[in-house]
């Protein structure tokens, strides 16, 4: 089925001049929230989704030797005991790609391209990893169109960095909306940033326009499992799967000894922190707030160092979480509800 056929179920249309072209970049198999953000973009008629790039989440795999050593067990024993939360190096992007296929199939959408990103983070800027996703970003950015190309980044910045390093001219044609990085001014531990700090520095030091939604802002959008059962589960096979996969990750992470001392997961709620990639495009005026910040240099420990010569980036301080969640639930119901 064509995406437009699904969108027709919404019962309204959007003026052509109000439509924005966008690429989704997601490490969708990393955990449970990306699914909701991808679907929210796909069910929003003011967004022309040009394609979805499957991203890696290699930081977790790179930590396996350290975690095994901390517990005094072999790599094999650790991988067998961690409930599937940590995977072998070089496999995460393909897991995201396969999950993307599954999600599109459940959504009954067959005309949105799904593209593989890089398998690994950047290590040598003179020898870039292969990335069909980076090539796709270049291809779309360089098309003749008076509108900018938005890239909604829900994980690592690897593929955007590769695209820029291969074709710097895309910088003046792209607006990167990134869910990632710690709160200002200090920064600090944040999952998406840790996937590829080198790539984040490439993007921050480039002329690419950046809209950053840092951890302290994206963490404010949360849904309860009771809400999911009431509003999402009735939305056909897609709704049932969105709930099922979230509950599965919640059980695996919540029962994982490696995560026992952390606040993640919460128990019966979940942060759908990738959805603000749409919130910042859908909401206007006082529903969102941001400030301009000199793009910092990002240290190896994910903290920020001032960079007086850096470009100005937009850093979001708040979004309208009520509108974001209500809009998502309404669109799922209108398109897939009974």
C-alpha atoms as a PDB file:
ATOM      1  CA  UNK A   1       0.000   0.000   0.000  1.00  0.00           C
ATOM      2  CA  UNK A   2       1.184   3.529  -0.750  1.00  0.00           C
ATOM      3  CA  UNK A   3       1.837   5.847   2.164  1.00  0.00           C
ATOM      4  CA  UNK A   4      -0.669   8.336   0.756  1.00  0.00           C
ATOM      5  CA  UNK A   5      -3.375   5.667   0.970  1.00  0.00           C
ATOM      6  CA  UNK A   6      -2.694   5.250   4.685  1.00  0.00           C
ATOM      7  CA  UNK A   7      -2.633   9.024   5.210  1.00  0.00           C
ATOM      8  CA  UNK A   8      -6.032   9.337   3.504  1.00  0.00           C
ATOM      9  CA  UNK A   9      -7.522   7.663   6.591  1.00  0.00           C
ATOM     10  CA  UNK A  10      -6.677  10.779   8.619  1.00  0.00           C
ATOM     11  CA  UNK A  11      -9.503  12.702   6.962  1.00  0.00           C
ATOM     12  CA  UNK A  12      -7.561  15.913   6.285  1.00  0.00           C
ATOM     13  CA  UNK A  13      -4.932  17.219   3.881  1.00  0.00           C
ATOM     14  CA  UNK A  14      -2.045  19.683   4.196  1.00  0.00           C
ATOM     15  CA  UNK A  15      -1.350  22.585   1.802  1.00  0.00           C
ATOM     16  CA  UNK A  16       1.519  21.709  -0.529  1.00  0.00           C
ATOM     17  CA  UNK A  17       3.455  24.839   0.480  1.00  0.00           C
ATOM     18  CA  UNK A  18       3.481  23.648   4.099  1.00  0.00           C
ATOM     19  CA  UNK A  19       5.105  20.281   3.370  1.00  0.00           C
ATOM     20  CA  UNK A  20       8.703  19.543   4.379  1.00  0.00           C
ATOM     21  CA  UNK A  21      11.010  16.928   2.875  1.00  0.00           C
ATOM     22  CA  UNK A  22      12.804  14.714   5.363  1.00  0.00           C
ATOM     23  CA  UNK A  23      14.962  11.617   5.821  1.00  0.00           C
ATOM     24  CA  UNK A  24      14.554   9.527   8.979  1.00  0.00           C
ATOM     25  CA  UNK A  25      17.743   8.102  10.512  1.00  0.00           C
ATOM     26  CA  UNK A  26      17.110   5.555  13.248  1.00  0.00           C
ATOM     27  CA  UNK A  27      18.848   2.822  15.262  1.00  0.00           C
ATOM     28  CA  UNK A  28      15.396   1.296  15.539  1.00  0.00           C
ATOM     29  CA  UNK A  29      16.436  -2.034  17.069  1.00  0.00           C
ATOM     30  CA  UNK A  30      18.475  -0.363  19.800  1.00  0.00           C
ATOM     31  CA  UNK A  31      15.509  -0.198  22.164  1.00  0.00           C
ATOM     32  CA  UNK A  32      11.781   0.502  22.054  1.00  0.00           C
ATOM     33  CA  UNK A  33      11.121   4.179  21.388  1.00  0.00           C
ATOM     34  CA  UNK A  34      12.360   4.631  17.810  1.00  0.00           C
ATOM     35  CA  UNK A  35       9.361   2.695  16.486  1.00  0.00           C
ATOM     36  CA  UNK A  36       6.995   5.363  17.776  1.00  0.00           C
ATOM     37  CA  UNK A  37       9.010   8.227  16.303  1.00  0.00           C
ATOM     38  CA  UNK A  38       9.270   6.540  12.896  1.00  0.00           C
ATOM     39  CA  UNK A  39       5.528   5.921  12.799  1.00  0.00           C
ATOM     40  CA  UNK A  40       4.762   9.465  13.940  1.00  0.00           C
ATOM     41  CA  UNK A  41       6.762  10.853  11.001  1.00  0.00           C
ATOM     42  CA  UNK A  42       5.171   8.413   8.566  1.00  0.00           C
ATOM     43  CA  UNK A  43       1.648   9.340   9.720  1.00  0.00           C
ATOM     44  CA  UNK A  44       2.229  13.102   9.475  1.00  0.00           C
ATOM     45  CA  UNK A  45       1.076  14.415   6.072  1.00  0.00           C
ATOM     46  CA  UNK A  46       3.077  17.652   6.329  1.00  0.00           C
ATOM     47  CA  UNK A  47       6.249  15.532   6.186  1.00  0.00           C
ATOM     48  CA  UNK A  48       7.422  14.078   2.878  1.00  0.00           C
ATOM     49  CA  UNK A  49       9.433  11.090   4.088  1.00  0.00           C
ATOM     50  CA  UNK A  50      12.048  10.463   1.397  1.00  0.00           C
ATOM     51  CA  UNK A  51      13.481   7.383   3.079  1.00  0.00           C
ATOM     52  CA  UNK A  52      14.602   5.722   6.287  1.00  0.00           C
ATOM     53  CA  UNK A  53      18.285   5.056   7.013  1.00  0.00           C
ATOM     54  CA  UNK A  54      19.036   2.203   9.427  1.00  0.00           C
ATOM     55  CA  UNK A  55      21.714   3.294  11.892  1.00  0.00           C
ATOM     56  CA  UNK A  56      24.160   1.325  14.014  1.00  0.00           C
ATOM     57  CA  UNK A  57      24.373   1.302  17.814  1.00  0.00           C
ATOM     58  CA  UNK A  58      27.864  -0.087  18.172  1.00  0.00           C
ATOM     59  CA  UNK A  59      28.744   1.513  21.498  1.00  0.00           C
ATOM     60  CA  UNK A  60      26.879  -1.224  23.353  1.00  0.00           C
ATOM     61  CA  UNK A  61      28.833  -3.940  21.558  1.00  0.00           C
ATOM     62  CA  UNK A  62      32.128  -2.164  22.191  1.00  0.00           C
ATOM     63  CA  UNK A  63      31.440  -2.323  25.939  1.00  0.00           C
ATOM     64  CA  UNK A  64      31.079  -6.137  26.089  1.00  0.00           C
ATOM     65  CA  UNK A  65      34.753  -6.864  26.997  1.00  0.00           C
ATOM     66  CA  UNK A  66      34.701  -4.308  29.817  1.00  0.00           C
ATOM     67  CA  UNK A  67      31.403  -5.546  31.248  1.00  0.00           C
ATOM     68  CA  UNK A  68      32.565  -9.183  31.068  1.00  0.00           C
ATOM     69  CA  UNK A  69      35.795  -8.288  32.866  1.00  0.00           C
ATOM     70  CA  UNK A  70      33.877  -6.402  35.571  1.00  0.00           C
ATOM     71  CA  UNK A  71      31.822  -9.515  36.261  1.00  0.00           C
ATOM     72  CA  UNK A  72      34.819 -11.834  36.052  1.00  0.00           C
ATOM     73  CA  UNK A  73      33.377 -13.990  33.262  1.00  0.00           C
ATOM     74  CA  UNK A  74      34.291 -14.785  29.666  1.00  0.00           C
ATOM     75  CA  UNK A  75      32.869 -12.936  26.665  1.00  0.00           C
ATOM     76  CA  UNK A  76      30.864 -16.025  25.765  1.00  0.00           C
ATOM     77  CA  UNK A  77      29.397 -16.278  29.264  1.00  0.00           C
ATOM     78  CA  UNK A  78      28.508 -12.580  29.270  1.00  0.00           C
ATOM     79  CA  UNK A  79      26.780 -12.725  25.881  1.00  0.00           C
ATOM     80  CA  UNK A  80      24.811 -15.789  27.008  1.00  0.00           C
ATOM     81  CA  UNK A  81      23.672 -14.119  30.237  1.00  0.00           C
ATOM     82  CA  UNK A  82      22.739 -10.589  29.213  1.00  0.00           C
ATOM     83  CA  UNK A  83      19.277 -11.290  27.814  1.00  0.00           C
ATOM     84  CA  UNK A  84      20.101 -10.113  24.298  1.00  0.00           C
ATOM     85  CA  UNK A  85      20.772  -6.510  25.325  1.00  0.00           C
ATOM     86  CA  UNK A  86      24.357  -6.548  23.998  1.00  0.00           C
ATOM     87  CA  UNK A  87      25.227  -7.884  20.545  1.00  0.00           C
ATOM     88  CA  UNK A  88      28.449  -8.721  18.732  1.00  0.00           C
ATOM     89  CA  UNK A  89      30.355  -5.935  16.957  1.00  0.00           C
ATOM     90  CA  UNK A  90      29.269  -5.104  13.442  1.00  0.00           C
ATOM     91  CA  UNK A  91      25.731  -6.504  13.712  1.00  0.00           C
ATOM     92  CA  UNK A  92      23.675  -3.611  15.098  1.00  0.00           C
ATOM     93  CA  UNK A  93      22.968  -1.746  11.843  1.00  0.00           C
ATOM     94  CA  UNK A  94      21.645  -4.886  10.174  1.00  0.00           C
ATOM     95  CA  UNK A  95      19.384  -5.483  13.177  1.00  0.00           C
ATOM     96  CA  UNK A  96      18.018  -1.958  12.715  1.00  0.00           C
ATOM     97  CA  UNK A  97      17.512  -2.604   9.002  1.00  0.00           C
ATOM     98  CA  UNK A  98      15.563  -5.821   9.611  1.00  0.00           C
ATOM     99  CA  UNK A  99      13.438  -4.135  12.278  1.00  0.00           C
ATOM    100  CA  UNK A 100      12.739  -1.283   9.876  1.00  0.00           C
ATOM    101  CA  UNK A 101      11.454  -3.784   7.310  1.00  0.00           C
ATOM    102  CA  UNK A 102       9.206  -5.361   9.906  1.00  0.00           C
ATOM    103  CA  UNK A 103       7.782  -2.013  10.985  1.00  0.00           C
ATOM    104  CA  UNK A 104       7.025  -0.901   7.424  1.00  0.00           C
ATOM    105  CA  UNK A 105       5.352  -4.232   6.737  1.00  0.00           C
ATOM    106  CA  UNK A 106       3.127  -3.904   9.807  1.00  0.00           C
ATOM    107  CA  UNK A 107       2.349  -0.311   8.801  1.00  0.00           C
ATOM    108  CA  UNK A 108       1.325  -1.581   5.335  1.00  0.00           C
ATOM    109  CA  UNK A 109       3.572   1.004   3.680  1.00  0.00           C
ATOM    110  CA  UNK A 110       5.589  -0.262   0.708  1.00  0.00           C
ATOM    111  CA  UNK A 111       6.766   2.896  -1.060  1.00  0.00           C
ATOM    112  CA  UNK A 112       9.153   4.421   1.517  1.00  0.00           C
ATOM    113  CA  UNK A 113      12.762   3.360   0.816  1.00  0.00           C
ATOM    114  CA  UNK A 114      14.741   1.698   3.628  1.00  0.00           C
ATOM    115  CA  UNK A 115      18.518   2.063   3.321  1.00  0.00           C
ATOM    116  CA  UNK A 116      21.435   0.537   5.213  1.00  0.00           C
ATOM    117  CA  UNK A 117      23.754   2.898   7.063  1.00  0.00           C
ATOM    118  CA  UNK A 118      27.316   2.286   8.208  1.00  0.00           C
ATOM    119  CA  UNK A 119      28.049  -0.833  10.244  1.00  0.00           C
ATOM    120  CA  UNK A 120      30.581   0.972  12.413  1.00  0.00           C
ATOM    121  CA  UNK A 121      31.365   4.341  13.951  1.00  0.00           C
ATOM    122  CA  UNK A 122      34.016   6.628  12.458  1.00  0.00           C
ATOM    123  CA  UNK A 123      37.599   5.708  13.308  1.00  0.00           C
ATOM    124  CA  UNK A 124      39.715   7.173  10.499  1.00  0.00           C
ATOM    125  CA  UNK A 125      38.434  10.278   8.726  1.00  0.00           C
ATOM    126  CA  UNK A 126      40.673   9.434   5.771  1.00  0.00           C
ATOM    127  CA  UNK A 127      39.117   5.985   5.344  1.00  0.00           C
ATOM    128  CA  UNK A 128      35.359   6.281   5.670  1.00  0.00           C
ATOM    129  CA  UNK A 129      33.127   3.251   6.303  1.00  0.00           C
ATOM    130  CA  UNK A 130      30.789   2.168   3.525  1.00  0.00           C
ATOM    131  CA  UNK A 131      27.345   3.683   3.926  1.00  0.00           C
ATOM    132  CA  UNK A 132      24.486   3.469   1.467  1.00  0.00           C
ATOM    133  CA  UNK A 133      22.636   5.763   3.859  1.00  0.00           C
ATOM    134  CA  UNK A 134      25.271   8.477   3.497  1.00  0.00           C
ATOM    135  CA  UNK A 135      25.048   8.196  -0.290  1.00  0.00           C
ATOM    136  CA  UNK A 136      21.258   8.468  -0.049  1.00  0.00           C
ATOM    137  CA  UNK A 137      21.522  11.632   2.061  1.00  0.00           C
ATOM    138  CA  UNK A 138      23.850  13.155  -0.549  1.00  0.00           C
ATOM    139  CA  UNK A 139      21.536  12.153  -3.386  1.00  0.00           C
ATOM    140  CA  UNK A 140      18.464  13.710  -1.764  1.00  0.00           C
ATOM    141  CA  UNK A 141      20.277  16.819  -0.548  1.00  0.00           C
ATOM    142  CA  UNK A 142      21.658  17.614  -4.001  1.00  0.00           C
ATOM    143  CA  UNK A 143      18.297  17.353  -5.773  1.00  0.00           C
ATOM    144  CA  UNK A 144      16.893  20.564  -7.204  1.00  0.00           C
ATOM    145  CA  UNK A 145      14.420  21.761  -4.591  1.00  0.00           C
ATOM    146  CA  UNK A 146      13.973  25.192  -3.021  1.00  0.00           C
ATOM    147  CA  UNK A 147      13.226  23.583   0.357  1.00  0.00           C
ATOM    148  CA  UNK A 148      15.913  22.362   2.751  1.00  0.00           C
ATOM    149  CA  UNK A 149      16.263  18.652   3.421  1.00  0.00           C
ATOM    150  CA  UNK A 150      15.609  17.841   7.070  1.00  0.00           C
ATOM    151  CA  UNK A 151      17.423  14.807   8.478  1.00  0.00           C
ATOM    152  CA  UNK A 152      15.765  13.501  11.649  1.00  0.00           C
ATOM    153  CA  UNK A 153      18.557  11.765  13.570  1.00  0.00           C
ATOM    154  CA  UNK A 154      17.415   9.476  16.387  1.00  0.00           C
ATOM    155  CA  UNK A 155      20.768   7.912  17.206  1.00  0.00           C
ATOM    156  CA  UNK A 156      24.347   8.214  15.946  1.00  0.00           C
ATOM    157  CA  UNK A 157      25.567  10.962  13.621  1.00  0.00           C
ATOM    158  CA  UNK A 158      27.825   8.582  11.680  1.00  0.00           C
ATOM    159  CA  UNK A 159      26.018   8.538   8.349  1.00  0.00           C
ATOM    160  CA  UNK A 160      25.452  12.289   8.229  1.00  0.00           C
ATOM    161  CA  UNK A 161      29.144  12.855   9.010  1.00  0.00           C
ATOM    162  CA  UNK A 162      30.173  10.444   6.248  1.00  0.00           C
ATOM    163  CA  UNK A 163      27.816  12.182   3.812  1.00  0.00           C
ATOM    164  CA  UNK A 164      29.323  15.581   4.629  1.00  0.00           C
ATOM    165  CA  UNK A 165      32.923  14.348   4.392  1.00  0.00           C
ATOM    166  CA  UNK A 166      32.164  12.808   0.986  1.00  0.00           C
ATOM    167  CA  UNK A 167      30.235  15.818  -0.330  1.00  0.00           C
ATOM    168  CA  UNK A 168      30.682  19.038   1.687  1.00  0.00           C
ATOM    169  CA  UNK A 169      28.221  20.911  -0.554  1.00  0.00           C
ATOM    170  CA  UNK A 170      25.303  19.249   1.242  1.00  0.00           C
ATOM    171  CA  UNK A 171      25.954  21.474   4.288  1.00  0.00           C
ATOM    172  CA  UNK A 172      24.060  24.429   2.824  1.00  0.00           C
ATOM    173  CA  UNK A 173      21.100  22.240   1.875  1.00  0.00           C
ATOM    174  CA  UNK A 174      20.475  20.303   5.116  1.00  0.00           C
ATOM    175  CA  UNK A 175      18.948  20.947   8.519  1.00  0.00           C
ATOM    176  CA  UNK A 176      19.963  18.212  10.967  1.00  0.00           C
ATOM    177  CA  UNK A 177      17.538  17.584  13.847  1.00  0.00           C
ATOM    178  CA  UNK A 178      19.437  15.490  16.378  1.00  0.00           C
ATOM    179  CA  UNK A 179      18.214  13.754  19.507  1.00  0.00           C
ATOM    180  CA  UNK A 180      21.412  13.580  21.510  1.00  0.00           C
ATOM    181  CA  UNK A 181      23.994  15.105  23.787  1.00  0.00           C
ATOM    182  CA  UNK A 182      23.859  16.111  27.431  1.00  0.00           C
ATOM    183  CA  UNK A 183      22.476  19.288  28.948  1.00  0.00           C
ATOM    184  CA  UNK A 184      24.317  22.581  28.535  1.00  0.00           C
ATOM    185  CA  UNK A 185      26.784  23.845  29.494  1.00  0.00           C
ATOM    186  CA  UNK A 186      28.586  20.702  30.715  1.00  0.00           C
ATOM    187  CA  UNK A 187      27.227  17.878  28.562  1.00  0.00           C
ATOM    188  CA  UNK A 188      27.975  14.411  29.879  1.00  0.00           C
ATOM    189  CA  UNK A 189      26.879  10.806  29.546  1.00  0.00           C
ATOM    190  CA  UNK A 190      24.259  10.397  26.801  1.00  0.00           C
ATOM    191  CA  UNK A 191      23.542   7.276  24.790  1.00  0.00           C
ATOM    192  CA  UNK A 192      23.153   8.603  21.240  1.00  0.00           C
ATOM    193  CA  UNK A 193      26.267  10.765  21.491  1.00  0.00           C
ATOM    194  CA  UNK A 194      28.368   7.852  22.768  1.00  0.00           C
ATOM    195  CA  UNK A 195      27.607   5.877  19.614  1.00  0.00           C
ATOM    196  CA  UNK A 196      30.047   8.067  17.671  1.00  0.00           C
ATOM    197  CA  UNK A 197      31.612  11.118  19.338  1.00  0.00           C
ATOM    198  CA  UNK A 198      33.987  11.635  16.413  1.00  0.00           C
ATOM    199  CA  UNK A 199      31.053  11.898  14.003  1.00  0.00           C
ATOM    200  CA  UNK A 200      29.302  14.364  16.326  1.00  0.00           C
ATOM    201  CA  UNK A 201      32.374  16.604  16.248  1.00  0.00           C
ATOM    202  CA  UNK A 202      32.477  16.408  12.450  1.00  0.00           C
ATOM    203  CA  UNK A 203      28.856  17.581  12.235  1.00  0.00           C
ATOM    204  CA  UNK A 204      29.252  20.253  14.928  1.00  0.00           C
ATOM    205  CA  UNK A 205      32.373  21.636  13.231  1.00  0.00           C
ATOM    206  CA  UNK A 206      30.769  21.583   9.769  1.00  0.00           C
ATOM    207  CA  UNK A 207      28.591  24.375   8.298  1.00  0.00           C
ATOM    208  CA  UNK A 208      25.511  22.088   8.554  1.00  0.00           C
ATOM    209  CA  UNK A 209      22.575  23.732  10.328  1.00  0.00           C
ATOM    210  CA  UNK A 210      21.986  21.810  13.560  1.00  0.00           C
ATOM    211  CA  UNK A 211      18.891  21.712  15.761  1.00  0.00           C
ATOM    212  CA  UNK A 212      19.843  19.755  18.872  1.00  0.00           C
ATOM    213  CA  UNK A 213      17.366  18.235  21.335  1.00  0.00           C
ATOM    214  CA  UNK A 214      19.567  17.350  24.322  1.00  0.00           C
ATOM    215  CA  UNK A 215      18.889  14.763  27.006  1.00  0.00           C
ATOM    216  CA  UNK A 216      17.295  17.113  29.526  1.00  0.00           C
ATOM    217  CA  UNK A 217      14.670  18.073  26.916  1.00  0.00           C
ATOM    218  CA  UNK A 218      13.935  14.776  25.190  1.00  0.00           C
ATOM    219  CA  UNK A 219      13.586  13.018  28.550  1.00  0.00           C
ATOM    220  CA  UNK A 220      10.468  15.079  29.286  1.00  0.00           C
ATOM    221  CA  UNK A 221       8.295  13.109  26.841  1.00  0.00           C
ATOM    222  CA  UNK A 222       7.112   9.921  28.526  1.00  0.00           C
ATOM    223  CA  UNK A 223       4.175   7.553  28.209  1.00  0.00           C
ATOM    224  CA  UNK A 224       2.788   5.010  30.645  1.00  0.00           C
ATOM    225  CA  UNK A 225       2.139   1.378  29.822  1.00  0.00           C
ATOM    226  CA  UNK A 226      -1.500   1.865  30.791  1.00  0.00           C
ATOM    227  CA  UNK A 227      -1.742   4.540  28.078  1.00  0.00           C
ATOM    228  CA  UNK A 228      -0.206   2.133  25.568  1.00  0.00           C
ATOM    229  CA  UNK A 229      -2.753  -0.564  26.385  1.00  0.00           C
ATOM    230  CA  UNK A 230      -5.636   1.906  26.126  1.00  0.00           C
ATOM    231  CA  UNK A 231      -4.623   3.951  23.085  1.00  0.00           C
ATOM    232  CA  UNK A 232      -2.047   2.000  21.053  1.00  0.00           C
ATOM    233  CA  UNK A 233      -2.691  -1.716  21.438  1.00  0.00           C
ATOM    234  CA  UNK A 234      -6.152  -1.531  19.769  1.00  0.00           C
ATOM    235  CA  UNK A 235      -4.560  -0.100  16.597  1.00  0.00           C
ATOM    236  CA  UNK A 236      -4.382  -3.345  14.643  1.00  0.00           C
ATOM    237  CA  UNK A 237      -1.327  -5.578  14.261  1.00  0.00           C
ATOM    238  CA  UNK A 238       0.906  -2.502  14.231  1.00  0.00           C
ATOM    239  CA  UNK A 239      -0.408  -1.195  17.554  1.00  0.00           C
ATOM    240  CA  UNK A 240      -0.145  -4.611  19.153  1.00  0.00           C
ATOM    241  CA  UNK A 241       3.477  -4.924  18.036  1.00  0.00           C
ATOM    242  CA  UNK A 242       4.435  -1.438  19.197  1.00  0.00           C
ATOM    243  CA  UNK A 243       3.267  -2.434  22.689  1.00  0.00           C
ATOM    244  CA  UNK A 244       4.663  -5.963  22.574  1.00  0.00           C
ATOM    245  CA  UNK A 245       8.193  -4.941  21.589  1.00  0.00           C
ATOM    246  CA  UNK A 246       8.270  -2.226  24.254  1.00  0.00           C
ATOM    247  CA  UNK A 247       7.137  -4.600  26.988  1.00  0.00           C
ATOM    248  CA  UNK A 248       9.703  -7.147  25.828  1.00  0.00           C
ATOM    249  CA  UNK A 249      12.560  -4.646  26.027  1.00  0.00           C
ATOM    250  CA  UNK A 250      11.268  -3.464  29.406  1.00  0.00           C
ATOM    251  CA  UNK A 251      11.386  -7.016  30.767  1.00  0.00           C
ATOM    252  CA  UNK A 252      14.832  -7.775  29.333  1.00  0.00           C
ATOM    253  CA  UNK A 253      16.382  -4.526  30.539  1.00  0.00           C
ATOM    254  CA  UNK A 254      14.598  -4.536  33.870  1.00  0.00           C
ATOM    255  CA  UNK A 255      15.777  -8.047  34.674  1.00  0.00           C
ATOM    256  CA  UNK A 256      19.339  -7.483  33.418  1.00  0.00           C
ATOM    257  CA  UNK A 257      21.897  -7.513  36.279  1.00  0.00           C
ATOM    258  CA  UNK A 258      24.094  -5.122  34.303  1.00  0.00           C
ATOM    259  CA  UNK A 259      21.369  -2.485  34.519  1.00  0.00           C
ATOM    260  CA  UNK A 260      20.142  -3.188  38.039  1.00  0.00           C
ATOM    261  CA  UNK A 261      21.748  -0.065  39.478  1.00  0.00           C
ATOM    262  CA  UNK A 262      20.413   2.282  36.795  1.00  0.00           C
ATOM    263  CA  UNK A 263      17.113   4.142  36.542  1.00  0.00           C
ATOM    264  CA  UNK A 264      16.530   2.651  33.074  1.00  0.00           C
ATOM    265  CA  UNK A 265      14.001   1.217  32.586  1.00  0.00           C
ATOM    266  CA  UNK A 266      11.516   2.877  34.926  1.00  0.00           C
ATOM    267  CA  UNK A 267       9.165  -0.066  35.352  1.00  0.00           C
ATOM    268  CA  UNK A 268       5.796   0.871  33.864  1.00  0.00           C
ATOM    269  CA  UNK A 269       6.552   3.884  31.708  1.00  0.00           C
ATOM    270  CA  UNK A 270       8.884   4.713  28.837  1.00  0.00           C
ATOM    271  CA  UNK A 271      10.547   7.826  27.470  1.00  0.00           C
ATOM    272  CA  UNK A 272       9.724   8.161  23.759  1.00  0.00           C
ATOM    273  CA  UNK A 273      12.584  10.598  23.449  1.00  0.00           C
ATOM    274  CA  UNK A 274      13.001  10.336  19.681  1.00  0.00           C
ATOM    275  CA  UNK A 275       9.592  11.851  18.935  1.00  0.00           C
ATOM    276  CA  UNK A 276      10.808  15.456  19.349  1.00  0.00           C
ATOM    277  CA  UNK A 277      12.393  15.184  15.877  1.00  0.00           C
ATOM    278  CA  UNK A 278       8.797  15.666  14.742  1.00  0.00           C
ATOM    279  CA  UNK A 279       7.632  17.886  17.604  1.00  0.00           C
ATOM    280  CA  UNK A 280      10.030  20.671  16.578  1.00  0.00           C
ATOM    281  CA  UNK A 281       8.568  20.639  13.043  1.00  0.00           C
ATOM    282  CA  UNK A 282       4.920  20.234  14.038  1.00  0.00           C
ATOM    283  CA  UNK A 283       4.747  22.741  16.888  1.00  0.00           C
ATOM    284  CA  UNK A 284       4.924  26.493  16.531  1.00  0.00           C
ATOM    285  CA  UNK A 285       5.274  29.609  18.676  1.00  0.00           C
ATOM    286  CA  UNK A 286       5.221  29.133  22.422  1.00  0.00           C
ATOM    287  CA  UNK A 287       4.736  25.366  22.207  1.00  0.00           C
ATOM    288  CA  UNK A 288       8.512  25.001  21.827  1.00  0.00           C
ATOM    289  CA  UNK A 289      11.426  27.035  23.105  1.00  0.00           C
ATOM    290  CA  UNK A 290      15.100  27.073  22.212  1.00  0.00           C
ATOM    291  CA  UNK A 291      18.230  29.127  22.571  1.00  0.00           C
ATOM    292  CA  UNK A 292      21.242  29.606  20.339  1.00  0.00           C
ATOM    293  CA  UNK A 293      24.530  28.136  21.505  1.00  0.00           C
ATOM    294  CA  UNK A 294      28.076  28.056  20.158  1.00  0.00           C
ATOM    295  CA  UNK A 295      28.621  24.481  19.018  1.00  0.00           C
ATOM    296  CA  UNK A 296      30.979  22.982  21.610  1.00  0.00           C
ATOM    297  CA  UNK A 297      33.859  20.596  21.113  1.00  0.00           C
ATOM    298  CA  UNK A 298      32.812  17.201  22.440  1.00  0.00           C
ATOM    299  CA  UNK A 299      35.345  15.365  24.578  1.00  0.00           C
ATOM    300  CA  UNK A 300      35.889  11.615  24.645  1.00  0.00           C
ATOM    301  CA  UNK A 301      33.844  11.367  27.865  1.00  0.00           C
ATOM    302  CA  UNK A 302      30.884  13.124  26.163  1.00  0.00           C
ATOM    303  CA  UNK A 303      31.361  16.395  28.065  1.00  0.00           C
ATOM    304  CA  UNK A 304      31.427  19.730  26.258  1.00  0.00           C
ATOM    305  CA  UNK A 305      34.342  22.140  25.967  1.00  0.00           C
ATOM    306  CA  UNK A 306      33.697  25.722  24.856  1.00  0.00           C
ATOM    307  CA  UNK A 307      34.553  26.517  21.254  1.00  0.00           C
ATOM    308  CA  UNK A 308      34.439  30.309  20.796  1.00  0.00           C
ATOM    309  CA  UNK A 309      35.008  29.901  17.062  1.00  0.00           C
ATOM    310  CA  UNK A 310      32.161  27.411  16.690  1.00  0.00           C
ATOM    311  CA  UNK A 311      29.035  27.983  14.638  1.00  0.00           C
ATOM    312  CA  UNK A 312      25.709  28.826  16.243  1.00  0.00           C
ATOM    313  CA  UNK A 313      23.363  25.872  16.732  1.00  0.00           C
ATOM    314  CA  UNK A 314      19.761  25.790  17.925  1.00  0.00           C
ATOM    315  CA  UNK A 315      19.365  23.951  21.253  1.00  0.00           C
ATOM    316  CA  UNK A 316      15.823  23.059  22.318  1.00  0.00           C
ATOM    317  CA  UNK A 317      14.869  23.735  25.922  1.00  0.00           C
ATOM    318  CA  UNK A 318      11.274  22.483  25.824  1.00  0.00           C
ATOM    319  CA  UNK A 319       8.591  20.952  23.632  1.00  0.00           C
ATOM    320  CA  UNK A 320       4.841  20.518  24.092  1.00  0.00           C
ATOM    321  CA  UNK A 321       4.787  16.928  25.302  1.00  0.00           C
ATOM    322  CA  UNK A 322       0.987  16.821  25.550  1.00  0.00           C
ATOM    323  CA  UNK A 323       0.516  17.743  21.907  1.00  0.00           C
ATOM    324  CA  UNK A 324       3.249  15.315  20.836  1.00  0.00           C
ATOM    325  CA  UNK A 325       1.725  12.317  22.594  1.00  0.00           C
ATOM    326  CA  UNK A 326      -1.900  13.167  21.781  1.00  0.00           C
ATOM    327  CA  UNK A 327      -1.098  13.688  18.107  1.00  0.00           C
ATOM    328  CA  UNK A 328       0.723  10.351  17.943  1.00  0.00           C
ATOM    329  CA  UNK A 329      -2.126   8.436  19.594  1.00  0.00           C
ATOM    330  CA  UNK A 330      -4.765  10.134  17.397  1.00  0.00           C
ATOM    331  CA  UNK A 331      -2.921   9.360  14.158  1.00  0.00           C
ATOM    332  CA  UNK A 332      -2.362   5.707  15.102  1.00  0.00           C
ATOM    333  CA  UNK A 333      -6.076   5.390  15.931  1.00  0.00           C
ATOM    334  CA  UNK A 334      -7.286   7.115  12.770  1.00  0.00           C
ATOM    335  CA  UNK A 335      -5.017   5.076  10.493  1.00  0.00           C
ATOM    336  CA  UNK A 336      -5.041   1.661  12.206  1.00  0.00           C
ATOM    337  CA  UNK A 337      -7.795   1.683  14.837  1.00  0.00           C
ATOM    338  CA  UNK A 338     -10.784  -0.611  14.600  1.00  0.00           C
END
